[in-house]
PDB file of all heavy atoms in Angstrom:
ATOM      1  N   PRO A   1       6.192  28.058   5.622  1.00  0.00           N
ATOM      2  CA  PRO A   1       6.335  27.227   6.835  1.00  0.00           C
ATOM      3  C   PRO A   1       6.829  28.027   8.042  1.00  0.00           C
ATOM      4  O   PRO A   1       6.366  27.807   9.166  1.00  0.00           O
ATOM      5  CB  PRO A   1       7.355  26.164   6.412  1.00  0.00           C
ATOM      6  CG  PRO A   1       7.239  26.093   4.923  1.00  0.00           C
ATOM      7  CD  PRO A   1       6.971  27.499   4.491  1.00  0.00           C
ATOM      8  N   ALA A   2       7.754  28.964   7.813  1.00  0.00           N
ATOM      9  CA  ALA A   2       8.264  29.780   8.916  1.00  0.00           C
ATOM     10  C   ALA A   2       7.180  30.695   9.464  1.00  0.00           C
ATOM     11  O   ALA A   2       7.030  30.850  10.686  1.00  0.00           O
ATOM     12  CB  ALA A   2       9.472  30.588   8.445  1.00  0.00           C
ATOM     13  N   LEU A   3       6.406  31.294   8.578  1.00  0.00           N
ATOM     14  CA  LEU A   3       5.321  32.171   9.014  1.00  0.00           C
ATOM     15  C   LEU A   3       4.288  31.392   9.820  1.00  0.00           C
ATOM     16  O   LEU A   3       3.814  31.847  10.873  1.00  0.00           O
ATOM     17  CB  LEU A   3       4.659  32.824   7.802  1.00  0.00           C
ATOM     18  CG  LEU A   3       3.513  33.807   8.091  1.00  0.00           C
ATOM     19  CD1 LEU A   3       4.027  35.010   8.875  1.00  0.00           C
ATOM     20  CD2 LEU A   3       2.851  34.268   6.790  1.00  0.00           C
ATOM     21  N   THR A   4       3.956  30.173   9.360  1.00  0.00           N
ATOM     22  CA  THR A   4       2.956  29.353  10.034  1.00  0.00           C
ATOM     23  C   THR A   4       3.390  28.974  11.436  1.00  0.00           C
ATOM     24  O   THR A   4       2.572  28.921  12.368  1.00  0.00           O
ATOM     25  CB  THR A   4       2.676  28.081   9.207  1.00  0.00           C
ATOM     26  OG1 THR A   4       2.218  28.452   7.905  1.00  0.00           O
ATOM     27  CG2 THR A   4       1.629  27.206   9.866  1.00  0.00           C
ATOM     28  N   ARG A   5       4.673  28.692  11.623  1.00  0.00           N
ATOM     29  CA  ARG A   5       5.168  28.328  12.950  1.00  0.00           C
ATOM     30  C   ARG A   5       5.172  29.509  13.904  1.00  0.00           C
ATOM     31  O   ARG A   5       5.000  29.344  15.111  1.00  0.00           O
ATOM     32  CB  ARG A   5       6.590  27.766  12.845  1.00  0.00           C
ATOM     33  CG  ARG A   5       6.688  26.364  12.280  1.00  0.00           C
ATOM     34  CD  ARG A   5       8.069  25.781  12.505  1.00  0.00           C
ATOM     35  NE  ARG A   5       9.119  26.602  11.890  1.00  0.00           N
ATOM     36  CZ  ARG A   5       9.570  26.438  10.647  1.00  0.00           C
ATOM     37  NH1 ARG A   5       9.042  25.481   9.900  1.00  0.00           N
ATOM     38  NH2 ARG A   5      10.523  27.200  10.169  1.00  0.00           N
ATOM     39  N   ARG A   6       5.374  30.718  13.370  1.00  0.00           N
ATOM     40  CA  ARG A   6       5.561  31.882  14.232  1.00  0.00           C
ATOM     41  C   ARG A   6       4.280  32.666  14.480  1.00  0.00           C
ATOM     42  O   ARG A   6       4.039  33.163  15.581  1.00  0.00           O
ATOM     43  CB  ARG A   6       6.607  32.809  13.604  1.00  0.00           C
ATOM     44  CG  ARG A   6       7.980  32.182  13.528  1.00  0.00           C
ATOM     45  CD  ARG A   6       8.887  32.944  12.586  1.00  0.00           C
ATOM     46  NE  ARG A   6      10.193  32.289  12.471  1.00  0.00           N
ATOM     47  CZ  ARG A   6      11.054  32.513  11.481  1.00  0.00           C
ATOM     48  NH1 ARG A   6      10.738  33.388  10.522  1.00  0.00           N
ATOM     49  NH2 ARG A   6      12.208  31.891  11.463  1.00  0.00           N
ATOM     50  N   ILE A   7       3.461  32.840  13.442  1.00  0.00           N
ATOM     51  CA  ILE A   7       2.253  33.668  13.553  1.00  0.00           C
ATOM     52  C   ILE A   7       1.060  32.891  12.993  1.00  0.00           C
ATOM     53  O   ILE A   7       1.084  32.442  11.835  1.00  0.00           O
ATOM     54  CB  ILE A   7       2.398  34.995  12.778  1.00  0.00           C
ATOM     55  CG1 ILE A   7       3.646  35.759  13.234  1.00  0.00           C
ATOM     56  CG2 ILE A   7       1.155  35.852  12.977  1.00  0.00           C
ATOM     57  CD1 ILE A   7       3.892  37.043  12.455  1.00  0.00           C
ATOM     58  N   GLY A   8       0.038  32.736  13.803  1.00  0.00           N
ATOM     59  CA  GLY A   8      -1.212  32.147  13.336  1.00  0.00           C
ATOM     60  C   GLY A   8      -2.240  33.239  13.133  1.00  0.00           C
ATOM     61  O   GLY A   8      -2.349  34.154  13.950  1.00  0.00           O
ATOM     62  N   SER A   9      -2.998  33.169  12.042  1.00  0.00           N
ATOM     63  CA  SER A   9      -4.005  34.183  11.725  1.00  0.00           C
ATOM     64  C   SER A   9      -5.377  33.549  11.586  1.00  0.00           C
ATOM     65  O   SER A   9      -5.528  32.495  10.964  1.00  0.00           O
ATOM     66  CB  SER A   9      -3.648  34.916  10.425  1.00  0.00           C
ATOM     67  OG  SER A   9      -2.513  35.744  10.597  1.00  0.00           O
ATOM     68  N   VAL A  10      -6.367  34.215  12.173  1.00  0.00           N
ATOM     69  CA  VAL A  10      -7.768  33.813  12.060  1.00  0.00           C
ATOM     70  C   VAL A  10      -8.496  34.941  11.348  1.00  0.00           C
ATOM     71  O   VAL A  10      -8.585  36.053  11.861  1.00  0.00           O
ATOM     72  CB  VAL A  10      -8.397  33.567  13.444  1.00  0.00           C
ATOM     73  CG1 VAL A  10      -9.868  33.190  13.299  1.00  0.00           C
ATOM     74  CG2 VAL A  10      -7.633  32.475  14.188  1.00  0.00           C
ATOM     75  N   PHE A  11      -9.009  34.663  10.136  1.00  0.00           N
ATOM     76  CA  PHE A  11      -9.635  35.703   9.318  1.00  0.00           C
ATOM     77  C   PHE A  11     -11.039  36.026   9.802  1.00  0.00           C
ATOM     78  O   PHE A  11     -11.687  35.228  10.495  1.00  0.00           O
ATOM     79  CB  PHE A  11      -9.709  35.272   7.855  1.00  0.00           C
ATOM     80  CG  PHE A  11      -8.369  34.966   7.233  1.00  0.00           C
ATOM     81  CD1 PHE A  11      -8.278  34.075   6.181  1.00  0.00           C
ATOM     82  CD2 PHE A  11      -7.206  35.557   7.706  1.00  0.00           C
ATOM     83  CE1 PHE A  11      -7.057  33.784   5.605  1.00  0.00           C
ATOM     84  CE2 PHE A  11      -5.984  35.280   7.142  1.00  0.00           C
ATOM     85  CZ  PHE A  11      -5.900  34.383   6.086  1.00  0.00           C
ATOM     86  N   GLN A  12     -11.534  37.202   9.391  1.00  0.00           N
ATOM     87  CA  GLN A  12     -12.908  37.583   9.744  1.00  0.00           C
ATOM     88  C   GLN A  12     -13.921  36.618   9.148  1.00  0.00           C
ATOM     89  O   GLN A  12     -14.911  36.273   9.784  1.00  0.00           O
ATOM     90  CB  GLN A  12     -13.189  39.008   9.268  1.00  0.00           C
ATOM     91  CG  GLN A  12     -14.504  39.558   9.784  1.00  0.00           C
ATOM     92  CD  GLN A  12     -14.712  41.002   9.390  1.00  0.00           C
ATOM     93  OE1 GLN A  12     -15.087  41.305   8.264  1.00  0.00           O
ATOM     94  NE2 GLN A  12     -14.462  41.913  10.321  1.00  0.00           N
ATOM     95  N   ASP A  13     -13.676  36.155   7.934  1.00  0.00           N
ATOM     96  CA  ASP A  13     -14.538  35.169   7.291  1.00  0.00           C
ATOM     97  C   ASP A  13     -13.847  33.813   7.389  1.00  0.00           C
ATOM     98  O   ASP A  13     -12.854  33.568   6.712  1.00  0.00           O
ATOM     99  CB  ASP A  13     -14.788  35.530   5.830  1.00  0.00           C
ATOM    100  CG  ASP A  13     -15.742  34.572   5.151  1.00  0.00           C
ATOM    101  OD1 ASP A  13     -15.996  33.487   5.705  1.00  0.00           O
ATOM    102  OD2 ASP A  13     -16.233  34.889   4.059  1.00  0.00           O
ATOM    103  N   PRO A  14     -14.337  32.903   8.247  1.00  0.00           N
ATOM    104  CA  PRO A  14     -13.650  31.617   8.436  1.00  0.00           C
ATOM    105  C   PRO A  14     -13.419  30.850   7.146  1.00  0.00           C
ATOM    106  O   PRO A  14     -12.364  30.233   6.970  1.00  0.00           O
ATOM    107  CB  PRO A  14     -14.595  30.852   9.376  1.00  0.00           C
ATOM    108  CG  PRO A  14     -15.379  31.901  10.070  1.00  0.00           C
ATOM    109  CD  PRO A  14     -15.545  33.018   9.071  1.00  0.00           C
ATOM    110  N   GLU A  15     -14.399  30.865   6.244  1.00  0.00           N
ATOM    111  CA  GLU A  15     -14.292  30.036   5.050  1.00  0.00           C
ATOM    112  C   GLU A  15     -13.158  30.469   4.120  1.00  0.00           C
ATOM    113  O   GLU A  15     -12.756  29.717   3.243  1.00  0.00           O
ATOM    114  CB  GLU A  15     -15.624  30.026   4.297  1.00  0.00           C
ATOM    115  CG  GLU A  15     -16.729  29.314   5.083  1.00  0.00           C
ATOM    116  CD  GLU A  15     -18.010  29.172   4.291  1.00  0.00           C
ATOM    117  OE1 GLU A  15     -18.090  29.755   3.187  1.00  0.00           O
ATOM    118  OE2 GLU A  15     -18.925  28.488   4.755  1.00  0.00           O
ATOM    119  N   HIS A  16     -12.646  31.675   4.316  1.00  0.00           N
ATOM    120  CA  HIS A  16     -11.538  32.127   3.476  1.00  0.00           C
ATOM    121  C   HIS A  16     -10.244  31.371   3.765  1.00  0.00           C
ATOM    122  O   HIS A  16      -9.299  31.450   2.979  1.00  0.00           O
ATOM    123  CB  HIS A  16     -11.305  33.626   3.678  1.00  0.00           C
ATOM    124  CG  HIS A  16     -12.336  34.475   3.013  1.00  0.00           C
ATOM    125  ND1 HIS A  16     -12.358  35.847   3.108  1.00  0.00           N
ATOM    126  CD2 HIS A  16     -13.412  34.155   2.241  1.00  0.00           C
ATOM    127  CE1 HIS A  16     -13.387  36.327   2.422  1.00  0.00           C
ATOM    128  NE2 HIS A  16     -14.039  35.317   1.906  1.00  0.00           N
ATOM    129  N   GLN A  17     -10.177  30.629   4.871  1.00  0.00           N
ATOM    130  CA  GLN A  17      -8.942  29.921   5.176  1.00  0.00           C
ATOM    131  C   GLN A  17      -9.085  28.406   5.116  1.00  0.00           C
ATOM    132  O   GLN A  17      -8.156  27.684   5.460  1.00  0.00           O
ATOM    133  CB  GLN A  17      -8.394  30.347   6.545  1.00  0.00           C
ATOM    134  CG  GLN A  17      -9.262  30.065   7.733  1.00  0.00           C
ATOM    135  CD  GLN A  17      -8.774  30.827   8.960  1.00  0.00           C
ATOM    136  OE1 GLN A  17      -9.206  31.939   9.220  1.00  0.00           O
ATOM    137  NE2 GLN A  17      -7.855  30.244   9.718  1.00  0.00           N
ATOM    138  N   PHE A  18     -10.234  27.898   4.654  1.00  0.00           N
ATOM    139  CA  PHE A  18     -10.419  26.459   4.536  1.00  0.00           C
ATOM    140  C   PHE A  18      -9.995  25.977   3.155  1.00  0.00           C
ATOM    141  O   PHE A  18     -10.428  26.533   2.135  1.00  0.00           O
ATOM    142  CB  PHE A  18     -11.885  26.075   4.781  1.00  0.00           C
ATOM    143  CG  PHE A  18     -12.383  26.419   6.161  1.00  0.00           C
ATOM    144  CD1 PHE A  18     -13.734  26.600   6.402  1.00  0.00           C
ATOM    145  CD2 PHE A  18     -11.507  26.551   7.222  1.00  0.00           C
ATOM    146  CE1 PHE A  18     -14.192  26.919   7.663  1.00  0.00           C
ATOM    147  CE2 PHE A  18     -11.952  26.878   8.496  1.00  0.00           C
ATOM    148  CZ  PHE A  18     -13.306  27.060   8.720  1.00  0.00           C
ATOM    149  N   VAL A  19      -9.178  24.926   3.106  1.00  0.00           N
ATOM    150  CA  VAL A  19      -8.649  24.466   1.813  1.00  0.00           C
ATOM    151  C   VAL A  19      -8.730  22.954   1.640  1.00  0.00           C
ATOM    152  O   VAL A  19      -8.356  22.439   0.587  1.00  0.00           O
ATOM    153  CB  VAL A  19      -7.174  24.909   1.628  1.00  0.00           C
ATOM    154  CG1 VAL A  19      -7.069  26.420   1.551  1.00  0.00           C
ATOM    155  CG2 VAL A  19      -6.281  24.367   2.743  1.00  0.00           C
ATOM    156  N   THR A  20      -9.205  22.209   2.647  1.00  0.00           N
ATOM    157  CA  THR A  20      -9.274  20.757   2.531  1.00  0.00           C
ATOM    158  C   THR A  20     -10.729  20.299   2.587  1.00  0.00           C
ATOM    159  O   THR A  20     -11.645  21.102   2.736  1.00  0.00           O
ATOM    160  CB  THR A  20      -8.477  20.073   3.653  1.00  0.00           C
ATOM    161  OG1 THR A  20      -9.166  20.260   4.901  1.00  0.00           O
ATOM    162  CG2 THR A  20      -7.064  20.643   3.764  1.00  0.00           C
ATOM    163  N   GLY A  21     -10.923  18.961   2.508  1.00  0.00           N
ATOM    164  CA  GLY A  21     -12.271  18.422   2.420  1.00  0.00           C
ATOM    165  C   GLY A  21     -12.872  17.963   3.723  1.00  0.00           C
ATOM    166  O   GLY A  21     -14.062  17.635   3.778  1.00  0.00           O
ATOM    167  N   THR A  22     -12.071  17.898   4.817  1.00  0.00           N
ATOM    168  CA  THR A  22     -12.612  17.476   6.104  1.00  0.00           C
ATOM    169  C   THR A  22     -12.066  18.364   7.210  1.00  0.00           C
ATOM    170  O   THR A  22     -11.000  18.980   7.081  1.00  0.00           O
ATOM    171  CB  THR A  22     -12.254  16.016   6.443  1.00  0.00           C
ATOM    172  OG1 THR A  22     -10.861  15.919   6.739  1.00  0.00           O
ATOM    173  CG2 THR A  22     -12.615  15.066   5.307  1.00  0.00           C
ATOM    174  N   VAL A  23     -12.795  18.383   8.318  1.00  0.00           N
ATOM    175  CA  VAL A  23     -12.360  19.157   9.479  1.00  0.00           C
ATOM    176  C   VAL A  23     -11.024  18.637  10.002  1.00  0.00           C
ATOM    177  O   VAL A  23     -10.124  19.409  10.339  1.00  0.00           O
ATOM    178  CB  VAL A  23     -13.439  19.105  10.585  1.00  0.00           C
ATOM    179  CG1 VAL A  23     -12.901  19.634  11.907  1.00  0.00           C
ATOM    180  CG2 VAL A  23     -14.676  19.894  10.149  1.00  0.00           C
ATOM    181  N   PHE A  24     -10.869  17.302  10.054  1.00  0.00           N
ATOM    182  CA  PHE A  24      -9.613  16.729  10.540  1.00  0.00           C
ATOM    183  C   PHE A  24      -8.443  17.171   9.675  1.00  0.00           C
ATOM    184  O   PHE A  24      -7.399  17.607  10.186  1.00  0.00           O
ATOM    185  CB  PHE A  24      -9.702  15.201  10.560  1.00  0.00           C
ATOM    186  CG  PHE A  24      -8.496  14.543  11.179  1.00  0.00           C
ATOM    187  CD1 PHE A  24      -8.509  14.169  12.512  1.00  0.00           C
ATOM    188  CD2 PHE A  24      -7.348  14.311  10.441  1.00  0.00           C
ATOM    189  CE1 PHE A  24      -7.394  13.582  13.093  1.00  0.00           C
ATOM    190  CE2 PHE A  24      -6.222  13.730  11.008  1.00  0.00           C
ATOM    191  CZ  PHE A  24      -6.247  13.358  12.340  1.00  0.00           C
ATOM    192  N   ASP A  25      -8.582  17.059   8.353  1.00  0.00           N
ATOM    193  CA  ASP A  25      -7.479  17.430   7.465  1.00  0.00           C
ATOM    194  C   ASP A  25      -7.180  18.923   7.531  1.00  0.00           C
ATOM    195  O   ASP A  25      -6.028  19.337   7.360  1.00  0.00           O
ATOM    196  CB  ASP A  25      -7.807  17.036   6.025  1.00  0.00           C
ATOM    197  CG  ASP A  25      -7.721  15.531   5.809  1.00  0.00           C
ATOM    198  OD1 ASP A  25      -7.072  14.859   6.627  1.00  0.00           O
ATOM    199  OD2 ASP A  25      -8.318  15.039   4.828  1.00  0.00           O
TER     200      ASP A  25
END
């Protein structure tokens, strides 16, 4: 949680960071 609040990361492969079933979630 602390890392998420301080540093946001966007990976080269977008799908590597998707973990839910909808765009909203």
